[in-house]
Amino acid sequence: MPSANEVKAGQTLELPGGLYQIVDHSHTKPGKGKAFVKMKLKSIDGGGMIEQTFRPDESVKQAIIDRREHQFLYRDEFGFHFMDSETFAQLEIPSDRVGAASDYLSEGAEVLLPMYDGRPISVDMASLVELRVTHAEPGVKGDRVSAATKPVTLATGWVIQAPLFVDVGDVLRVDTRTAEYQTRVT
């Protein structure tokens, strides 16, 4: 097991309260007293944030996360359904575990599912996805000012701001980290 001083931001720890991802990690040596490691941790199960301090030599249990490629199949009242790309096994993930990725999931989308002890803990989307526009108000003549935008609805139901020239049926590349329009593909 690594010491609290050896782990880094982004890694996942198994603590008595459950699984936590390290958001921030800092080593502090005050003028008086012993050094300590302060971590901001995000709960994988609940999503809440906690701060915890450790001695630098204190052992922490690192959770081994296996990321597997899956294909999104469909969504229903029970959650989101995925199929393992290697074994073709299907699994269901409750909506609360999918989080913001639900705005970008369209049928057939390839995603990575981080797994711990055989159960999915979240959904990792690609940073850029391509989605079809299902609704867009027409641009008004004379409104062709640079950087002018309008709301458009994507195939997943998500609404983003896009340039005035975007029409229904266009495929847009969208950044999943910022929920912003990047470019028109077709």
Protein backbone atom coordinates (compact mmCIF):
# COMPACT_ATOMS: atom_id res chain seq x y z
CA MET A 1 0.00 0.00 0.00
CA PRO A 2 1.35 3.44 -0.87
CA SER A 3 1.88 6.13 1.75
CA ALA A 4 -0.23 9.30 1.81
CA ASN A 5 2.80 11.16 0.46
CA GLU A 6 3.06 8.93 -2.64
CA VAL A 7 -0.49 9.23 -4.02
CA LYS A 8 -1.50 11.92 -6.51
CA ALA A 9 -4.58 13.86 -7.58
CA GLY A 10 -6.89 11.77 -9.78
CA GLN A 11 -6.19 8.47 -8.02
CA THR A 12 -8.92 6.62 -6.13
CA LEU A 13 -8.62 5.55 -2.49
CA GLU A 14 -10.60 3.01 -0.51
CA LEU A 15 -11.33 4.61 2.86
CA PRO A 16 -13.64 3.44 5.68
CA GLY A 17 -16.44 5.65 4.28
CA GLY A 18 -16.23 4.18 0.75
CA LEU A 19 -14.40 5.06 -2.46
CA TYR A 20 -12.95 8.56 -2.84
CA GLN A 21 -11.14 10.22 -5.72
CA ILE A 22 -8.33 12.63 -4.82
CA VAL A 23 -9.16 16.10 -6.12
CA ASP A 24 -6.34 18.03 -4.43
CA HIS A 25 -3.23 16.80 -2.62
CA SER A 26 -0.79 18.99 -0.67
CA HIS A 27 2.14 18.26 1.62
CA THR A 28 2.51 20.81 4.44
CA LYS A 29 5.38 21.31 6.88
CA PRO A 30 4.35 23.91 9.47
CA GLY A 31 7.01 25.86 11.38
CA LYS A 32 6.13 23.96 14.55
CA GLY A 33 4.97 20.40 14.71
CA LYS A 34 5.08 17.51 12.29
CA ALA A 35 4.44 17.54 8.56
CA PHE A 36 1.07 16.36 7.24
CA VAL A 37 -0.66 15.64 3.94
CA LYS A 38 -3.99 17.35 3.32
CA MET A 39 -6.33 15.93 0.68
CA LYS A 40 -9.62 17.05 -0.83
CA LEU A 41 -11.56 13.92 -1.65
CA LYS A 42 -14.70 13.44 -3.75
CA SER A 43 -16.97 10.54 -2.85
CA ILE A 44 -17.52 8.19 -5.79
CA ASP A 45 -20.80 6.92 -4.33
CA GLY A 46 -22.37 10.15 -3.09
CA GLY A 47 -20.48 12.84 -4.94
CA GLY A 48 -19.84 14.87 -1.76
CA MET A 49 -16.50 16.48 -0.98
CA ILE A 50 -14.49 15.97 2.21
CA GLU A 51 -11.11 17.14 3.44
CA GLN A 52 -8.88 14.75 5.32
CA THR A 53 -5.37 14.94 6.74
CA PHE A 54 -2.87 12.09 6.93
CA ARG A 55 0.63 11.63 8.30
CA PRO A 56 3.08 11.52 5.36
CA ASP A 57 4.14 7.95 6.20
CA GLU A 58 0.56 6.71 6.83
CA SER A 59 -0.50 3.91 4.49
CA VAL A 60 -3.62 4.42 2.36
CA LYS A 61 -5.41 1.74 0.39
CA GLN A 62 -5.47 2.55 -3.29
CA ALA A 63 -8.53 1.24 -5.15
CA ILE A 64 -7.74 -0.64 -8.36
CA ILE A 65 -10.02 0.73 -11.07
CA ASP A 66 -10.43 -1.28 -14.29
CA ARG A 67 -11.64 0.75 -17.28
CA ARG A 68 -13.57 -1.29 -19.84
CA GLU A 69 -14.93 -0.26 -23.21
CA HIS A 70 -18.73 -0.46 -23.47
CA GLN A 71 -21.37 0.55 -25.99
CA PHE A 72 -24.42 2.53 -24.86
CA LEU A 73 -27.62 0.69 -25.83
CA TYR A 74 -30.61 2.56 -24.45
CA ARG A 75 -32.14 4.38 -21.47
CA ASP A 76 -35.32 3.46 -19.60
CA GLU A 77 -36.94 4.14 -16.21
CA PHE A 78 -34.44 1.79 -14.52
CA GLY A 79 -31.31 3.54 -15.80
CA PHE A 80 -28.81 3.36 -18.63
CA HIS A 81 -28.01 0.07 -20.37
CA PHE A 82 -24.55 -0.75 -21.74
CA MET A 83 -22.95 -3.72 -23.49
CA ASP A 84 -19.37 -4.86 -22.88
CA SER A 85 -17.51 -4.65 -26.22
CA GLU A 86 -15.52 -7.84 -25.51
CA THR A 87 -17.93 -10.20 -23.74
CA PHE A 88 -21.24 -8.73 -25.03
CA ALA A 89 -22.56 -8.87 -21.44
CA GLN A 90 -25.15 -6.20 -20.71
CA LEU A 91 -25.32 -4.13 -17.56
CA GLU A 92 -27.51 -1.40 -16.17
CA ILE A 93 -26.25 1.72 -14.42
CA PRO A 94 -28.61 3.88 -12.32
CA SER A 95 -29.09 7.44 -13.58
CA ASP A 96 -27.37 9.01 -10.57
CA ARG A 97 -24.09 7.19 -11.37
CA VAL A 98 -24.08 8.35 -15.00
CA GLY A 99 -24.15 12.03 -14.06
CA ALA A 100 -23.44 14.69 -16.69
CA ALA A 101 -22.52 12.05 -19.27
CA SER A 102 -26.27 11.44 -19.76
CA ASP A 103 -26.47 14.68 -21.76
CA TYR A 104 -24.19 13.26 -24.46
CA LEU A 105 -25.11 9.56 -24.63
CA SER A 106 -26.67 8.55 -27.94
CA GLU A 107 -27.39 4.99 -29.01
CA GLY A 108 -24.24 3.20 -30.12
CA ALA A 109 -21.86 5.61 -28.37
CA GLU A 110 -18.59 4.05 -27.18
CA VAL A 111 -17.67 4.91 -23.58
CA LEU A 112 -15.25 3.75 -20.91
CA LEU A 113 -16.78 2.44 -17.70
CA PRO A 114 -14.50 2.55 -14.65
CA MET A 115 -15.19 -0.69 -12.74
CA TYR A 116 -14.41 -1.51 -9.11
CA ASP A 117 -14.99 -5.07 -7.88
CA GLY A 118 -16.98 -5.78 -11.05
CA ARG A 119 -19.43 -2.90 -10.61
CA PRO A 120 -19.42 0.32 -12.66
CA ILE A 121 -18.78 3.47 -10.64
CA SER A 122 -19.30 6.14 -13.34
CA VAL A 123 -19.21 6.80 -17.09
CA ASP A 124 -16.16 8.34 -18.81
CA MET A 125 -17.11 10.11 -22.03
CA ALA A 126 -14.78 11.12 -24.82
CA SER A 127 -13.89 14.80 -24.64
CA LEU A 128 -15.56 15.43 -28.03
CA VAL A 129 -18.78 13.81 -29.28
CA GLU A 130 -20.76 14.21 -32.49
CA LEU A 131 -24.53 14.71 -32.11
CA ARG A 132 -27.31 15.50 -34.59
CA VAL A 133 -29.41 18.67 -34.22
CA THR A 134 -33.12 17.87 -33.82
CA HIS A 135 -34.45 21.41 -33.30
CA ALA A 136 -33.08 24.82 -34.22
CA GLU A 137 -34.85 28.12 -34.79
CA PRO A 138 -33.97 29.66 -38.15
CA GLY A 139 -31.40 32.45 -38.12
CA VAL A 140 -32.94 35.88 -38.73
CA LYS A 141 -31.67 37.78 -41.79
CA GLY A 142 -29.43 40.60 -40.62
CA ASP A 143 -28.40 38.72 -37.45
CA ARG A 144 -25.16 37.52 -39.04
CA VAL A 145 -22.97 39.32 -36.55
CA SER A 146 -19.81 37.41 -35.72
CA ALA A 147 -20.12 35.22 -32.62
CA ALA A 148 -23.94 35.42 -32.59
CA THR A 149 -25.48 32.20 -31.25
CA LYS A 150 -28.85 30.56 -30.81
CA PRO A 151 -30.08 27.59 -28.72
CA VAL A 152 -30.21 24.26 -30.55
CA THR A 153 -31.53 20.92 -29.28
CA LEU A 154 -29.37 17.85 -29.83
CA ALA A 155 -30.56 14.26 -30.38
CA THR A 156 -30.06 13.51 -26.68
CA GLY A 157 -32.38 16.36 -25.66
CA TRP A 158 -29.52 18.56 -24.49
CA VAL A 159 -29.70 22.25 -25.47
CA ILE A 160 -26.49 24.14 -26.30
CA GLN A 161 -25.60 27.46 -27.89
CA ALA A 162 -24.48 27.21 -31.53
CA PRO A 163 -23.83 29.66 -34.39
CA LEU A 164 -26.78 31.03 -36.35
CA PHE A 165 -25.98 28.97 -39.49
CA VAL A 166 -26.68 25.62 -37.72
CA ASP A 167 -29.87 23.92 -38.95
CA VAL A 168 -31.92 20.81 -38.12
CA GLY A 169 -30.13 17.68 -39.32
CA ASP A 170 -26.62 19.09 -38.95
CA VAL A 171 -24.13 17.02 -36.96
CA LEU A 172 -22.18 19.06 -34.41
CA ARG A 173 -18.99 18.28 -32.54
CA VAL A 174 -19.53 19.20 -28.87
CA ASP A 175 -16.97 19.40 -26.05
CA THR A 176 -18.32 17.26 -23.17
CA ARG A 177 -16.14 19.01 -20.57
CA THR A 178 -17.51 22.49 -21.24
CA ALA A 179 -20.81 21.70 -23.05
CA GLU A 180 -19.77 24.03 -25.86
CA TYR A 181 -20.15 23.85 -29.63
CA GLN A 182 -16.84 23.13 -31.39
CA THR A 183 -17.61 22.73 -35.09
CA ARG A 184 -20.20 21.55 -37.60
CA VAL A 185 -19.33 18.14 -39.06
CA THR A 186 -21.97 17.96 -41.81
